[in-house]
Amino acid sequence: YTTYWNWATKPGYSGTAIFMKTKPVNISTGINVTEHDNEGRVLTAEFANFFLVNVYTPNSQRELTRLAYRQRWDKDFLRHLKNLEKQKPVIFCGDLNVAHTEIDLANPRSNMRNHGFTPEERAGFSALVSAGFVDTFREFEKGGGHYSWWSPFAGARDRNVGWRLDYVLISAALRPKLKAAFIRPAILGSDHCPVGIEIDA
């Protein structure tokens, strides 16, 4: 594998990485917005026919202390994606730190104003969909009970009391080439589990 990394200025805080067998045409870090780019949250690999963007979206924090920042991030990140899409289709994936709809978490009613499920964060995800990006997993699975993150406390994972926070979205132009999308909850090693797609890109 060839590996590429983008890490935060603050040690141990956040970062992204891509491990790949095919070398990209180009690699870039960040989204060209100084306010965001010191946290290592975006890594973009350009291939002949598409861009692959790995993202770790900022958490709004338990007391919603970063919610206003998160709203700026959502708009700036979407602008980055649409600028890339002017050149070629985009695949982006990672921890988006939001459960988009009520079926994307086990307890929606008790989490309505909690970070990761505020109306503002959900609207940020909806803006991605409205801009033409496809939530790949929902193309194949319309039901609830499918999560990618569980609290490490109170046996949440064993009881499947989780949240779907990790996504792969694609440009609408790539939808005809999408073969499968999946979540792998049986794979341990983190409080998150792997998600992925199969695509003929």
Foldseek 3Di string as FASTA:
>chain_A
DDKDWFAAPPPPQDIDMDDDDDAAPDKDFDLPDVVPRRHHAWIWGHHPAEIEIEGDQDWCDFVSVCVVVSLVVLVSVLVSQVVRVVPHKYKYKYQLLAFQDPLQFQDCVVCAPGIRRDPSSNVSVVVSVVVAKDFQQCVPDVGHLDAFAFDPPDCCLVVSRHGHRITIIIHNVQVVFWDDWDWDSVDDDDRGGDIDTDGPD
